[in-house]
Amino acid sequence: DRVFDAPAATSTATSTATATPTASETATATASASGSATATATSTA
């Protein structure tokens, strides 16, 4: 539900996500100046 923390232009945020079929997964996101966001619910996203 989050891919970066404001207001930093580039930052790294780590959150815990739960999805099927993996019981617990970790999503890591990096904000950049351009481009779209991709979030994959695998063991590490």
Full PDB file with SEQRES, HELIX, SHEET, SSBOND, CRYST1, ORIGX, SCALE, CONECT and MASTER records, all heavy atoms in Angstrom:
SEQRES   1 A   45  ASP ARG VAL PHE ASP ALA PRO ALA ALA THR SER THR ALA          
SEQRES   2 A   45  THR SER THR ALA THR ALA THR PRO THR ALA SER GLU THR          
SEQRES   3 A   45  ALA THR ALA THR ALA SER ALA SER GLY SER ALA THR ALA          
SEQRES   4 A   45  THR ALA THR SER THR ALA                                      
SHEET    1 AA1 2 THR A  12  ALA A  17  0                                        
SHEET    2 AA1 2 GLU A  25  THR A  30 -1                                        
CRYST1    1.000    1.000    1.000  90.00  90.00  90.00 P 1           1          
ORIGX1      1.000000  0.000000  0.000000        0.00000                         
ORIGX2      0.000000  1.000000  0.000000        0.00000                         
ORIGX3      0.000000  0.000000  1.000000        0.00000                         
SCALE1      1.000000  0.000000  0.000000        0.00000                         
SCALE2      0.000000  1.000000  0.000000        0.00000                         
SCALE3      0.000000  0.000000  1.000000        0.00000                         
ATOM      1  N   ASP A   1       0.799  -1.221   0.000  1.00  0.00           N  
ATOM      2  CA  ASP A   1       0.000   0.000   0.000  1.00  0.00           C  
ATOM      3  C   ASP A   1       0.838   1.280   0.000  1.00  0.00           C  
ATOM      4  O   ASP A   1       0.307   2.376   0.073  1.00  0.00           O  
ATOM      5  CB  ASP A   1      -0.952   0.025   1.196  1.00  0.00           C  
ATOM      6  CG  ASP A   1      -0.242  -0.138   2.531  1.00  0.00           C  
ATOM      7  OD1 ASP A   1       0.990   0.024   2.566  1.00  0.00           O  
ATOM      8  OD2 ASP A   1      -0.928  -0.427   3.532  1.00  0.00           O  
ATOM      9  N   ARG A   2       2.170   1.129  -0.078  1.00  0.00           N  
ATOM     10  CA  ARG A   2       3.044   2.305  -0.131  1.00  0.00           C  
ATOM     11  C   ARG A   2       4.291   1.941  -0.911  1.00  0.00           C  
ATOM     12  O   ARG A   2       4.826   0.848  -0.742  1.00  0.00           O  
ATOM     13  CB  ARG A   2       3.411   2.780   1.283  1.00  0.00           C  
ATOM     14  CG  ARG A   2       4.426   3.927   1.319  1.00  0.00           C  
ATOM     15  CD  ARG A   2       4.751   4.341   2.743  1.00  0.00           C  
ATOM     16  NE  ARG A   2       3.626   4.996   3.380  1.00  0.00           N  
ATOM     17  CZ  ARG A   2       3.363   6.298   3.268  1.00  0.00           C  
ATOM     18  NH1 ARG A   2       4.144   7.070   2.542  1.00  0.00           N  
ATOM     19  NH2 ARG A   2       2.331   6.819   3.868  1.00  0.00           N  
ATOM     20  N   VAL A   3       4.747   2.854  -1.773  1.00  0.00           N  
ATOM     21  CA  VAL A   3       5.951   2.560  -2.542  1.00  0.00           C  
ATOM     22  C   VAL A   3       7.099   3.513  -2.250  1.00  0.00           C  
ATOM     23  O   VAL A   3       8.212   3.285  -2.677  1.00  0.00           O  
ATOM     24  CB  VAL A   3       5.655   2.550  -4.060  1.00  0.00           C  
ATOM     25  CG1 VAL A   3       4.843   1.324  -4.419  1.00  0.00           C  
ATOM     26  CG2 VAL A   3       4.948   3.810  -4.505  1.00  0.00           C  
ATOM     27  N   PHE A   4       6.834   4.599  -1.518  1.00  0.00           N  
ATOM     28  CA  PHE A   4       7.922   5.440  -1.032  1.00  0.00           C  
ATOM     29  C   PHE A   4       7.393   6.384   0.024  1.00  0.00           C  
ATOM     30  O   PHE A   4       6.180   6.544   0.186  1.00  0.00           O  
ATOM     31  CB  PHE A   4       8.612   6.231  -2.156  1.00  0.00           C  
ATOM     32  CG  PHE A   4       7.746   7.287  -2.797  1.00  0.00           C  
ATOM     33  CD1 PHE A   4       7.701   8.579  -2.301  1.00  0.00           C  
ATOM     34  CD2 PHE A   4       6.983   6.996  -3.924  1.00  0.00           C  
ATOM     35  CE1 PHE A   4       6.919   9.545  -2.908  1.00  0.00           C  
ATOM     36  CE2 PHE A   4       6.209   7.951  -4.536  1.00  0.00           C  
ATOM     37  CZ  PHE A   4       6.168   9.236  -4.021  1.00  0.00           C  
ATOM     38  N   ASP A   5       8.278   6.998   0.781  1.00  0.00           N  
ATOM     39  CA  ASP A   5       7.899   7.956   1.811  1.00  0.00           C  
ATOM     40  C   ASP A   5       8.137   9.373   1.335  1.00  0.00           C  
ATOM     41  O   ASP A   5       9.213   9.699   0.837  1.00  0.00           O  
ATOM     42  CB  ASP A   5       8.711   7.727   3.091  1.00  0.00           C  
ATOM     43  CG  ASP A   5       8.273   6.475   3.825  1.00  0.00           C  
ATOM     44  OD1 ASP A   5       7.060   6.171   3.767  1.00  0.00           O  
ATOM     45  OD2 ASP A   5       9.119   5.807   4.443  1.00  0.00           O  
ATOM     46  N   ALA A   6       7.163  10.242   1.450  1.00  0.00           N  
ATOM     47  CA  ALA A   6       7.336  11.665   1.160  1.00  0.00           C  
ATOM     48  C   ALA A   6       7.973  12.311   2.383  1.00  0.00           C  
ATOM     49  O   ALA A   6       7.831  11.843   3.502  1.00  0.00           O  
ATOM     50  CB  ALA A   6       5.994  12.292   0.847  1.00  0.00           C  
ATOM     51  N   PRO A   7       8.687  13.461   2.248  1.00  0.00           N  
ATOM     52  CA  PRO A   7       8.822  14.230   1.010  1.00  0.00           C  
ATOM     53  C   PRO A   7      10.127  13.981   0.274  1.00  0.00           C  
ATOM     54  O   PRO A   7      10.429  14.683  -0.675  1.00  0.00           O  
ATOM     55  CB  PRO A   7       8.780  15.670   1.526  1.00  0.00           C  
ATOM     56  CG  PRO A   7       9.501  15.582   2.840  1.00  0.00           C  
ATOM     57  CD  PRO A   7       9.129  14.230   3.418  1.00  0.00           C  
ATOM     58  N   ALA A   8      10.943  13.038   0.713  1.00  0.00           N  
ATOM     59  CA  ALA A   8      12.232  12.832   0.067  1.00  0.00           C  
ATOM     60  C   ALA A   8      12.052  12.464  -1.393  1.00  0.00           C  
ATOM     61  O   ALA A   8      11.170  11.702  -1.754  1.00  0.00           O  
ATOM     62  CB  ALA A   8      12.999  11.724   0.789  1.00  0.00           C  
ATOM     63  N   ALA A   9      12.919  13.050  -2.239  1.00  0.00           N  
ATOM     64  CA  ALA A   9      12.824  12.766  -3.675  1.00  0.00           C  
ATOM     65  C   ALA A   9      13.231  11.336  -3.974  1.00  0.00           C  
ATOM     66  O   ALA A   9      12.686  10.681  -4.833  1.00  0.00           O  
ATOM     67  CB  ALA A   9      13.698  13.739  -4.466  1.00  0.00           C  
ATOM     68  N   THR A  10      14.242  10.856  -3.258  1.00  0.00           N  
ATOM     69  CA  THR A  10      14.643   9.454  -3.403  1.00  0.00           C  
ATOM     70  C   THR A  10      14.782   8.882  -2.008  1.00  0.00           C  
ATOM     71  O   THR A  10      15.478   9.434  -1.165  1.00  0.00           O  
ATOM     72  CB  THR A  10      15.991   9.320  -4.144  1.00  0.00           C  
ATOM     73  OG1 THR A  10      16.996  10.055  -3.437  1.00  0.00           O  
ATOM     74  CG2 THR A  10      15.869   9.840  -5.557  1.00  0.00           C  
ATOM     75  N   SER A  11      14.097   7.827  -1.750  1.00  0.00           N  
ATOM     76  CA  SER A  11      14.142   7.211  -0.432  1.00  0.00           C  
ATOM     77  C   SER A  11      13.854   5.734  -0.572  1.00  0.00           C  
ATOM     78  O   SER A  11      13.409   5.278  -1.606  1.00  0.00           O  
ATOM     79  CB  SER A  11      13.105   7.866   0.495  1.00  0.00           C  
ATOM     80  OG  SER A  11      11.804   7.659  -0.018  1.00  0.00           O  
ATOM     81  N   THR A  12      14.116   5.014   0.471  1.00  0.00           N  
ATOM     82  CA  THR A  12      13.825   3.588   0.479  1.00  0.00           C  
ATOM     83  C   THR A  12      12.904   3.300   1.645  1.00  0.00           C  
ATOM     84  O   THR A  12      13.177   3.695   2.760  1.00  0.00           O  
ATOM     85  CB  THR A  12      15.101   2.762   0.614  1.00  0.00           C  
ATOM     86  OG1 THR A  12      15.943   3.055  -0.497  1.00  0.00           O  
ATOM     87  CG2 THR A  12      14.786   1.264   0.636  1.00  0.00           C  
ATOM     88  N   ALA A  13      11.793   2.645   1.360  1.00  0.00           N  
ATOM     89  CA  ALA A  13      10.829   2.298   2.398  1.00  0.00           C  
ATOM     90  C   ALA A  13      10.624   0.804   2.396  1.00  0.00           C  
ATOM     91  O   ALA A  13      10.567   0.187   1.349  1.00  0.00           O  
ATOM     92  CB  ALA A  13       9.494   3.015   2.138  1.00  0.00           C  
ATOM     93  N   THR A  14      10.545   0.241   3.553  1.00  0.00           N  
ATOM     94  CA  THR A  14      10.321  -1.193   3.658  1.00  0.00           C  
ATOM     95  C   THR A  14       9.044  -1.434   4.433  1.00  0.00           C  
ATOM     96  O   THR A  14       8.818  -0.827   5.461  1.00  0.00           O  
ATOM     97  CB  THR A  14      11.489  -1.885   4.383  1.00  0.00           C  
ATOM     98  OG1 THR A  14      12.686  -1.617   3.664  1.00  0.00           O  
ATOM     99  CG2 THR A  14      11.264  -3.393   4.473  1.00  0.00           C  
ATOM    100  N   SER A  15       8.194  -2.271   3.910  1.00  0.00           N  
ATOM    101  CA  SER A  15       6.950  -2.605   4.584  1.00  0.00           C  
ATOM    102  C   SER A  15       6.744  -4.100   4.518  1.00  0.00           C  
ATOM    103  O   SER A  15       7.381  -4.801   3.746  1.00  0.00           O  
ATOM    104  CB  SER A  15       5.767  -1.886   3.913  1.00  0.00           C  
ATOM    105  OG  SER A  15       5.669  -2.298   2.572  1.00  0.00           O  
ATOM    106  N   THR A  16       5.861  -4.594   5.336  1.00  0.00           N  
ATOM    107  CA  THR A  16       5.549  -6.014   5.344  1.00  0.00           C  
ATOM    108  C   THR A  16       4.232  -6.238   4.660  1.00  0.00           C  
ATOM    109  O   THR A  16       3.266  -5.540   4.929  1.00  0.00           O  
ATOM    110  CB  THR A  16       5.486  -6.547   6.779  1.00  0.00           C  
ATOM    111  OG1 THR A  16       6.754  -6.349   7.384  1.00  0.00           O  
ATOM    112  CG2 THR A  16       5.148  -8.038   6.794  1.00  0.00           C  
ATOM    113  N   ALA A  17       4.185  -7.184   3.753  1.00  0.00           N  
ATOM    114  CA  ALA A  17       2.965  -7.458   3.002  1.00  0.00           C  
ATOM    115  C   ALA A  17       2.624  -8.922   3.119  1.00  0.00           C  
ATOM    116  O   ALA A  17       3.491  -9.765   3.272  1.00  0.00           O  
ATOM    117  CB  ALA A  17       3.170  -7.094   1.528  1.00  0.00           C  
ATOM    118  N   THR A  18       1.338  -9.211   3.047  1.00  0.00           N  
ATOM    119  CA  THR A  18       0.878 -10.588   3.076  1.00  0.00           C  
ATOM    120  C   THR A  18       0.086 -10.859   1.828  1.00  0.00           C  
ATOM    121  O   THR A  18      -0.786 -10.089   1.469  1.00  0.00           O  
ATOM    122  CB  THR A  18      -0.006 -10.843   4.308  1.00  0.00           C  
ATOM    123  OG1 THR A  18       0.747 -10.542   5.466  1.00  0.00           O  
ATOM    124  CG2 THR A  18      -0.460 -12.295   4.357  1.00  0.00           C  
ATOM    125  N   ALA A  19       0.364 -11.945   1.142  1.00  0.00           N  
ATOM    126  CA  ALA A  19      -0.339 -12.265  -0.099  1.00  0.00           C  
ATOM    127  C   ALA A  19      -0.353 -13.767  -0.291  1.00  0.00           C  
ATOM    128  O   ALA A  19       0.440 -14.489   0.286  1.00  0.00           O  
ATOM    129  CB  ALA A  19       0.343 -11.596  -1.293  1.00  0.00           C  
ATOM    130  N   THR A  20      -1.237 -14.225  -1.107  1.00  0.00           N  
ATOM    131  CA  THR A  20      -1.309 -15.642  -1.457  1.00  0.00           C  
ATOM    132  C   THR A  20      -0.339 -15.918  -2.596  1.00  0.00           C  
ATOM    133  O   THR A  20      -0.269 -15.147  -3.528  1.00  0.00           O  
ATOM    134  CB  THR A  20      -2.740 -15.988  -1.895  1.00  0.00           C  
ATOM    135  OG1 THR A  20      -3.625 -15.646  -0.841  1.00  0.00           O  
ATOM    136  CG2 THR A  20      -2.874 -17.458  -2.231  1.00  0.00           C  
ATOM    137  N   PRO A  21       0.444 -16.994  -2.567  1.00  0.00           N  
ATOM    138  CA  PRO A  21       0.386 -18.042  -1.565  1.00  0.00           C  
ATOM    139  C   PRO A  21       1.426 -17.916  -0.465  1.00  0.00           C  
ATOM    140  O   PRO A  21       1.506 -18.763   0.405  1.00  0.00           O  
ATOM    141  CB  PRO A  21       0.651 -19.298  -2.390  1.00  0.00           C  
ATOM    142  CG  PRO A  21       1.639 -18.802  -3.415  1.00  0.00           C  
ATOM    143  CD  PRO A  21       1.222 -17.396  -3.736  1.00  0.00           C  
ATOM    144  N   THR A  22       2.287 -16.889  -0.508  1.00  0.00           N  
ATOM    145  CA  THR A  22       3.328 -16.748   0.499  1.00  0.00           C  
ATOM    146  C   THR A  22       2.741 -16.143   1.758  1.00  0.00           C  
ATOM    147  O   THR A  22       2.018 -15.153   1.691  1.00  0.00           O  
ATOM    148  CB  THR A  22       4.451 -15.844  -0.025  1.00  0.00           C  
ATOM    149  OG1 THR A  22       4.881 -16.367  -1.280  1.00  0.00           O  
ATOM    150  CG2 THR A  22       5.614 -15.806   0.931  1.00  0.00           C  
ATOM    151  N   ALA A  23       3.035 -16.685   2.914  1.00  0.00           N  
ATOM    152  CA  ALA A  23       2.420 -16.220   4.153  1.00  0.00           C  
ATOM    153  C   ALA A  23       2.883 -14.821   4.516  1.00  0.00           C  
ATOM    154  O   ALA A  23       2.115 -13.998   4.991  1.00  0.00           O  
ATOM    155  CB  ALA A  23       2.731 -17.183   5.287  1.00  0.00           C  
ATOM    156  N   SER A  24       4.149 -14.502   4.328  1.00  0.00           N  
ATOM    157  CA  SER A  24       4.648 -13.176   4.683  1.00  0.00           C  
ATOM    158  C   SER A  24       5.724 -12.774   3.693  1.00  0.00           C  
ATOM    159  O   SER A  24       6.623 -13.546   3.399  1.00  0.00           O  
ATOM    160  CB  SER A  24       5.221 -13.199   6.102  1.00  0.00           C  
ATOM    161  OG  SER A  24       5.738 -11.938   6.444  1.00  0.00           O  
ATOM    162  N   GLU A  25       5.628 -11.557   3.188  1.00  0.00           N  
ATOM    163  CA  GLU A  25       6.570 -11.096   2.184  1.00  0.00           C  
ATOM    164  C   GLU A  25       7.026  -9.683   2.502  1.00  0.00           C  
ATOM    165  O   GLU A  25       6.371  -8.958   3.244  1.00  0.00           O  
ATOM    166  CB  GLU A  25       5.913 -11.126   0.796  1.00  0.00           C  
ATOM    167  CG  GLU A  25       5.493 -12.533   0.379  1.00  0.00           C  
ATOM    168  CD  GLU A  25       4.320 -12.523  -0.570  1.00  0.00           C  
ATOM    169  OE1 GLU A  25       3.808 -11.432  -0.833  1.00  0.00           O  
ATOM    170  OE2 GLU A  25       3.922 -13.597  -1.021  1.00  0.00           O  
ATOM    171  N   THR A  26       8.109  -9.271   1.937  1.00  0.00           N  
ATOM    172  CA  THR A  26       8.626  -7.933   2.155  1.00  0.00           C  
ATOM    173  C   THR A  26       8.685  -7.197   0.839  1.00  0.00           C  
ATOM    174  O   THR A  26       9.173  -7.723  -0.144  1.00  0.00           O  
ATOM    175  CB  THR A  26      10.045  -7.974   2.763  1.00  0.00           C  
ATOM    176  OG1 THR A  26       9.969  -8.685   4.001  1.00  0.00           O  
ATOM    177  CG2 THR A  26      10.569  -6.574   3.000  1.00  0.00           C  
ATOM    178  N   ALA A  27       8.171  -5.950   0.826  1.00  0.00           N  
ATOM    179  CA  ALA A  27       8.194  -5.135  -0.379  1.00  0.00           C  
ATOM    180  C   ALA A  27       9.127  -3.962  -0.158  1.00  0.00           C  
ATOM    181  O   ALA A  27       9.035  -3.275   0.842  1.00  0.00           O  
ATOM    182  CB  ALA A  27       6.796  -4.635  -0.705  1.00  0.00           C  
ATOM    183  N   THR A  28      10.053  -3.744  -1.067  1.00  0.00           N  
ATOM    184  CA  THR A  28      10.972  -2.630  -0.989  1.00  0.00           C  
ATOM    185  C   THR A  28      10.737  -1.717  -2.163  1.00  0.00           C  
ATOM    186  O   THR A  28      10.611  -2.176  -3.285  1.00  0.00           O  
ATOM    187  CB  THR A  28      12.436  -3.105  -1.012  1.00  0.00           C  
ATOM    188  OG1 THR A  28      12.619  -4.047   0.051  1.00  0.00           O  
ATOM    189  CG2 THR A  28      13.391  -1.939  -0.851  1.00  0.00           C  
ATOM    190  N   ALA A  29      10.660  -0.411  -1.911  1.00  0.00           N  
ATOM    191  CA  ALA A  29      10.353   0.529  -2.981  1.00  0.00           C  
ATOM    192  C   ALA A  29      11.332   1.679  -2.968  1.00  0.00           C  
ATOM    193  O   ALA A  29      11.779   2.119  -1.927  1.00  0.00           O  
ATOM    194  CB  ALA A  29       8.935   1.063  -2.816  1.00  0.00           C  
ATOM    195  N   THR A  30      11.682   2.162  -4.137  1.00  0.00           N  
ATOM    196  CA  THR A  30      12.569   3.301  -4.270  1.00  0.00           C  
ATOM    197  C   THR A  30      11.923   4.342  -5.136  1.00  0.00           C  
ATOM    198  O   THR A  30      11.470   4.034  -6.235  1.00  0.00           O  
ATOM    199  CB  THR A  30      13.916   2.882  -4.895  1.00  0.00           C  
ATOM    200  OG1 THR A  30      14.484   1.836  -4.095  1.00  0.00           O  
ATOM    201  CG2 THR A  30      14.867   4.067  -4.961  1.00  0.00           C  
ATOM    202  N   ALA A  31      11.840   5.590  -4.651  1.00  0.00           N  
ATOM    203  CA  ALA A  31      11.240   6.661  -5.435  1.00  0.00           C  
ATOM    204  C   ALA A  31      12.283   7.231  -6.375  1.00  0.00           C  
ATOM    205  O   ALA A  31      13.444   7.355  -6.034  1.00  0.00           O  
ATOM    206  CB  ALA A  31      10.743   7.764  -4.509  1.00  0.00           C  
ATOM    207  N   SER A  32      11.840   7.552  -7.589  1.00  0.00           N  
ATOM    208  CA  SER A  32      12.751   8.149  -8.555  1.00  0.00           C  
ATOM    209  C   SER A  32      12.102   9.341  -9.212  1.00  0.00           C  
ATOM    210  O   SER A  32      10.927   9.597  -9.029  1.00  0.00           O  
ATOM    211  CB  SER A  32      13.133   7.115  -9.618  1.00  0.00           C  
ATOM    212  OG  SER A  32      12.002   6.765 -10.374  1.00  0.00           O  
ATOM    213  N   ALA A  33      12.878  10.069  -9.984  1.00  0.00           N  
ATOM    214  CA  ALA A  33      12.379  11.299 -10.593  1.00  0.00           C  
ATOM    215  C   ALA A  33      11.465  11.025 -11.762  1.00  0.00           C  
ATOM    216  O   ALA A  33      10.709  11.885 -12.175  1.00  0.00           O  
ATOM    217  CB  ALA A  33      13.547  12.170 -11.037  1.00  0.00           C  
ATOM    218  N   SER A  34      11.522   9.864 -12.349  1.00  0.00           N  
ATOM    219  CA  SER A  34      10.676   9.574 -13.510  1.00  0.00           C  
ATOM    220  C   SER A  34      10.392   8.090 -13.571  1.00  0.00           C  
ATOM    221  O   SER A  34      11.024   7.294 -12.904  1.00  0.00           O  
ATOM    222  CB  SER A  34      11.368  10.022 -14.802  1.00  0.00           C  
ATOM    223  OG  SER A  34      12.564   9.290 -14.995  1.00  0.00           O  
ATOM    224  N   GLY A  35       9.403   7.745 -14.389  1.00  0.00           N  
ATOM    225  CA  GLY A  35       9.063   6.343 -14.583  1.00  0.00           C  
ATOM    226  C   GLY A  35       7.861   5.944 -13.772  1.00  0.00           C  
ATOM    227  O   GLY A  35       7.365   6.664 -12.942  1.00  0.00           O  
ATOM    228  N   SER A  36       7.358   4.740 -14.023  1.00  0.00           N  
ATOM    229  CA  SER A  36       6.217   4.218 -13.284  1.00  0.00           C  
ATOM    230  C   SER A  36       6.719   3.336 -12.160  1.00  0.00           C  
ATOM    231  O   SER A  36       7.909   3.119 -11.998  1.00  0.00           O  
ATOM    232  CB  SER A  36       5.300   3.421 -14.222  1.00  0.00           C  
ATOM    233  OG  SER A  36       6.006   2.300 -14.713  1.00  0.00           O  
ATOM    234  N   ALA A  37       5.791   2.823 -11.362  1.00  0.00           N  
ATOM    235  CA  ALA A  37       6.177   1.976 -10.247  1.00  0.00           C  
ATOM    236  C   ALA A  37       5.803   0.545 -10.543  1.00  0.00           C  
ATOM    237  O   ALA A  37       4.779   0.276 -11.129  1.00  0.00           O  
ATOM    238  CB  ALA A  37       5.474   2.435  -8.975  1.00  0.00           C  
ATOM    239  N   THR A  38       6.632  -0.363 -10.142  1.00  0.00           N  
ATOM    240  CA  THR A  38       6.317  -1.775 -10.286  1.00  0.00           C  
ATOM    241  C   THR A  38       6.446  -2.429  -8.920  1.00  0.00           C  
ATOM    242  O   THR A  38       7.470  -2.294  -8.267  1.00  0.00           O  
ATOM    243  CB  THR A  38       7.259  -2.462 -11.278  1.00  0.00           C  
ATOM    244  OG1 THR A  38       7.144  -1.825 -12.543  1.00  0.00           O  
ATOM    245  CG2 THR A  38       6.920  -3.945 -11.420  1.00  0.00           C  
ATOM    246  N   ALA A  39       5.390  -3.099  -8.478  1.00  0.00           N  
ATOM    247  CA  ALA A  39       5.409  -3.807  -7.200  1.00  0.00           C  
ATOM    248  C   ALA A  39       5.078  -5.256  -7.462  1.00  0.00           C  
ATOM    249  O   ALA A  39       4.032  -5.559  -8.007  1.00  0.00           O  
ATOM    250  CB  ALA A  39       4.402  -3.203  -6.227  1.00  0.00           C  
ATOM    251  N   THR A  40       5.955  -6.170  -7.117  1.00  0.00           N  
ATOM    252  CA  THR A  40       5.688  -7.586  -7.330  1.00  0.00           C  
ATOM    253  C   THR A  40       5.610  -8.283  -5.999  1.00  0.00           C  
ATOM    254  O   THR A  40       6.495  -8.153  -5.161  1.00  0.00           O  
ATOM    255  CB  THR A  40       6.797  -8.230  -8.187  1.00  0.00           C  
ATOM    256  OG1 THR A  40       8.054  -8.018  -7.548  1.00  0.00           O  
ATOM    257  CG2 THR A  40       6.817  -7.636  -9.576  1.00  0.00           C  
ATOM    258  N   ALA A  41       4.521  -9.021  -5.809  1.00  0.00           N  
ATOM    259  CA  ALA A  41       4.315  -9.711  -4.536  1.00  0.00           C  
ATOM    260  C   ALA A  41       4.996 -11.072  -4.571  1.00  0.00           C  
ATOM    261  O   ALA A  41       4.369 -12.108  -4.527  1.00  0.00           O  
ATOM    262  CB  ALA A  41       2.831  -9.860  -4.249  1.00  0.00           C  
ATOM    263  N   THR A  42       6.312 -11.061  -4.691  1.00  0.00           N  
ATOM    264  CA  THR A  42       7.101 -12.281  -4.590  1.00  0.00           C  
ATOM    265  C   THR A  42       7.832 -12.209  -3.258  1.00  0.00           C  
ATOM    266  O   THR A  42       7.543 -11.361  -2.433  1.00  0.00           O  
ATOM    267  CB  THR A  42       8.093 -12.378  -5.758  1.00  0.00           C  
ATOM    268  OG1 THR A  42       8.907 -11.200  -5.766  1.00  0.00           O  
ATOM    269  CG2 THR A  42       7.350 -12.470  -7.078  1.00  0.00           C  
ATOM    270  N   SER A  43       8.811 -13.086  -3.038  1.00  0.00           N  
ATOM    271  CA  SER A  43       9.474 -13.116  -1.740  1.00  0.00           C  
ATOM    272  C   SER A  43      10.130 -11.784  -1.413  1.00  0.00           C  
ATOM    273  O   SER A  43      10.164 -11.372  -0.268  1.00  0.00           O  
ATOM    274  CB  SER A  43      10.512 -14.236  -1.717  1.00  0.00           C  
ATOM    275  OG  SER A  43      11.435 -14.060  -2.785  1.00  0.00           O  
ATOM    276  N   THR A  44      10.657 -11.083  -2.398  1.00  0.00           N  
ATOM    277  CA  THR A  44      11.181  -9.735  -2.213  1.00  0.00           C  
ATOM    278  C   THR A  44      10.745  -8.914  -3.417  1.00  0.00           C  
ATOM    279  O   THR A  44      11.064  -9.268  -4.539  1.00  0.00           O  
ATOM    280  CB  THR A  44      12.716  -9.700  -2.114  1.00  0.00           C  
ATOM    281  OG1 THR A  44      13.115 -10.513  -1.004  1.00  0.00           O  
ATOM    282  CG2 THR A  44      13.212  -8.293  -1.923  1.00  0.00           C  
ATOM    283  N   ALA A  45      10.028  -7.817  -3.176  1.00  0.00           N  
ATOM    284  CA  ALA A  45       9.516  -7.005  -4.277  1.00  0.00           C  
ATOM    285  C   ALA A  45      10.260  -5.697  -4.323  1.00  0.00           C  
ATOM    286  O   ALA A  45      10.387  -5.006  -3.339  1.00  0.00           O  
ATOM    287  CB  ALA A  45       8.026  -6.749  -4.094  1.00  0.00           C  
TER     288      ALA A  45                                                      
MASTER        0    0    0    0    2    0    0    6  287    1    0    4          
END                                                                             
